[in-house]
Every structure is written in C-alpha cells, then in structure tokens.
C-alpha cells in the first residue's frame, strides 16, 4: 500500500548531495533523490527500533 507523501525541504552538506547524485545515476536501485532519502530514513528508523 502506498502511503500519502508530502514534500519537505532540507539543508544538506554538499558532499552528501554529491554522494546522493552519484547513487542516483543508476536508477535500478533508486528512482530519484527522494526515493534514496526515503529508503535511508526507513533504514534509520528500523535501526532505532533495535536499540530502543
């Protein structure tokens, strides 16, 4: 099931933005920057469940 999504704004270090751009060049893993960030946040959230 697709959850509703809402656009956000964030300020991110240039080196991290460069890494995101490199990761998104091959669209077989991430559709776009938003997809990569969403997957990263889901991973971070799941790690927090293991430590809380």
N, C-alpha and C. Protein backbone atom coordinates (compact mmCIF):
# COMPACT_ATOMS: atom_id res chain seq x y z
N UNK A 1 0.84 -1.17 0.00
CA UNK A 1 0.00 0.00 0.00
C UNK A 1 0.89 1.24 0.00
N UNK A 2 0.60 2.17 -0.88
CA UNK A 2 1.35 3.43 -0.90
C UNK A 2 0.79 4.40 0.10
N UNK A 3 1.65 4.89 0.96
CA UNK A 3 1.25 5.89 1.95
C UNK A 3 1.25 7.25 1.28
N UNK A 4 0.40 8.15 1.73
CA UNK A 4 0.45 9.52 1.19
C UNK A 4 1.82 10.14 1.46
N UNK A 5 2.26 11.00 0.56
CA UNK A 5 3.56 11.63 0.71
C UNK A 5 3.39 13.14 0.71
N UNK A 6 4.33 13.81 1.36
CA UNK A 6 4.30 15.26 1.45
C UNK A 6 5.71 15.78 1.17
N UNK A 7 5.83 16.78 0.30
CA UNK A 7 7.16 17.33 0.04
C UNK A 7 7.71 18.06 1.26
N UNK A 8 9.04 17.97 1.43
CA UNK A 8 9.71 18.69 2.52
C UNK A 8 10.92 19.42 1.93
N UNK A 9 11.55 20.22 2.76
CA UNK A 9 12.78 20.89 2.38
C UNK A 9 13.82 20.58 3.43
N UNK A 10 15.06 20.39 2.99
CA UNK A 10 16.15 20.09 3.93
C UNK A 10 17.43 20.75 3.44
N UNK A 11 18.27 21.12 4.36
CA UNK A 11 19.59 21.65 4.03
C UNK A 11 20.60 20.53 4.29
N UNK A 12 21.37 20.19 3.25
CA UNK A 12 22.25 19.02 3.32
C UNK A 12 23.64 19.43 2.84
N UNK A 13 24.68 18.90 3.50
CA UNK A 13 26.07 19.16 3.10
C UNK A 13 26.28 18.84 1.63
N UNK A 14 27.10 19.65 0.98
CA UNK A 14 27.38 19.46 -0.45
C UNK A 14 27.97 18.07 -0.72
N UNK A 15 28.87 17.60 0.14
CA UNK A 15 29.47 16.29 -0.09
C UNK A 15 28.42 15.18 -0.04
N UNK A 16 27.44 15.33 0.82
CA UNK A 16 26.37 14.35 0.90
C UNK A 16 25.47 14.44 -0.34
N UNK A 17 25.21 15.65 -0.79
CA UNK A 17 24.43 15.82 -2.03
C UNK A 17 25.15 15.21 -3.22
N UNK A 18 26.47 15.36 -3.27
CA UNK A 18 27.26 14.75 -4.34
C UNK A 18 27.13 13.23 -4.30
N UNK A 19 27.20 12.66 -3.11
CA UNK A 19 27.05 11.21 -2.95
C UNK A 19 25.67 10.76 -3.41
N UNK A 20 24.63 11.50 -3.01
CA UNK A 20 23.27 11.17 -3.42
C UNK A 20 23.16 11.19 -4.94
N UNK A 21 23.72 12.21 -5.57
CA UNK A 21 23.67 12.31 -7.04
C UNK A 21 24.36 11.11 -7.69
N UNK A 22 25.51 10.71 -7.15
CA UNK A 22 26.21 9.54 -7.70
C UNK A 22 25.38 8.28 -7.54
N UNK A 23 24.77 8.11 -6.37
CA UNK A 23 23.96 6.92 -6.11
C UNK A 23 22.74 6.86 -7.04
N UNK A 24 22.22 8.01 -7.41
CA UNK A 24 21.00 8.06 -8.23
C UNK A 24 21.27 7.97 -9.72
N UNK A 25 22.52 7.95 -10.13
CA UNK A 25 22.84 7.84 -11.56
C UNK A 25 22.28 6.56 -12.15
N UNK A 26 22.40 5.47 -11.42
CA UNK A 26 21.85 4.19 -11.87
C UNK A 26 20.48 4.03 -11.24
N UNK A 27 19.43 4.18 -12.02
CA UNK A 27 18.07 4.20 -11.48
C UNK A 27 17.53 2.81 -11.16
N UNK A 28 18.36 1.77 -11.24
CA UNK A 28 17.86 0.44 -10.88
C UNK A 28 17.71 0.28 -9.37
N UNK A 29 18.45 1.06 -8.58
CA UNK A 29 18.36 0.98 -7.13
C UNK A 29 17.43 2.05 -6.56
N UNK A 30 17.62 3.29 -7.00
CA UNK A 30 16.82 4.41 -6.51
C UNK A 30 16.21 5.13 -7.70
N UNK A 31 14.92 5.41 -7.64
CA UNK A 31 14.25 6.11 -8.74
C UNK A 31 14.72 7.55 -8.86
N UNK A 32 14.99 8.18 -7.72
CA UNK A 32 15.38 9.59 -7.68
C UNK A 32 15.90 9.92 -6.29
N UNK A 33 16.26 11.17 -6.07
CA UNK A 33 16.81 11.59 -4.77
C UNK A 33 15.82 11.35 -3.64
N UNK A 34 14.57 11.67 -3.87
CA UNK A 34 13.55 11.48 -2.83
C UNK A 34 13.46 10.01 -2.42
N UNK A 35 13.52 9.12 -3.40
CA UNK A 35 13.44 7.69 -3.11
C UNK A 35 14.63 7.24 -2.26
N UNK A 36 15.83 7.69 -2.62
CA UNK A 36 17.01 7.34 -1.84
C UNK A 36 16.89 7.84 -0.40
N UNK A 37 16.47 9.09 -0.23
CA UNK A 37 16.35 9.66 1.12
C UNK A 37 15.28 8.92 1.91
N UNK A 38 14.17 8.58 1.27
CA UNK A 38 13.11 7.85 1.96
C UNK A 38 13.60 6.48 2.43
N UNK A 39 14.32 5.77 1.58
CA UNK A 39 14.87 4.45 1.95
C UNK A 39 15.86 4.61 3.10
N UNK A 40 16.72 5.63 3.03
CA UNK A 40 17.70 5.85 4.10
C UNK A 40 17.01 6.13 5.43
N UNK A 41 15.96 6.94 5.41
CA UNK A 41 15.25 7.24 6.65
C UNK A 41 14.51 6.02 7.20
N UNK A 42 13.96 5.21 6.31
CA UNK A 42 13.31 3.97 6.77
C UNK A 42 14.33 3.05 7.44
N UNK A 43 15.52 2.96 6.86
CA UNK A 43 16.59 2.14 7.44
C UNK A 43 16.98 2.69 8.82
N UNK A 44 17.14 3.99 8.91
CA UNK A 44 17.50 4.61 10.20
C UNK A 44 16.41 4.35 11.23
N UNK A 45 15.17 4.48 10.83
CA UNK A 45 14.04 4.23 11.76
C UNK A 45 14.05 2.77 12.22
N UNK A 46 14.31 1.83 11.32
CA UNK A 46 14.30 0.43 11.72
C UNK A 46 15.47 0.11 12.66
N UNK A 47 16.59 0.76 12.48
CA UNK A 47 17.71 0.58 13.42
C UNK A 47 17.36 1.09 14.79
N UNK A 48 16.64 2.17 14.87
CA UNK A 48 16.23 2.73 16.16
C UNK A 48 15.35 1.79 16.93
N UNK A 49 14.53 1.01 16.23
CA UNK A 49 13.67 0.04 16.91
C UNK A 49 14.50 -1.04 17.58
N UNK A 50 15.67 -1.36 17.00
CA UNK A 50 16.53 -2.38 17.58
C UNK A 50 17.23 -1.90 18.84
N UNK A 51 17.35 -0.57 18.98
CA UNK A 51 18.08 -0.01 20.12
C UNK A 51 17.18 0.67 21.14
N UNK A 52 15.88 0.51 21.02
CA UNK A 52 15.02 1.24 21.93
C UNK A 52 14.10 0.37 22.63
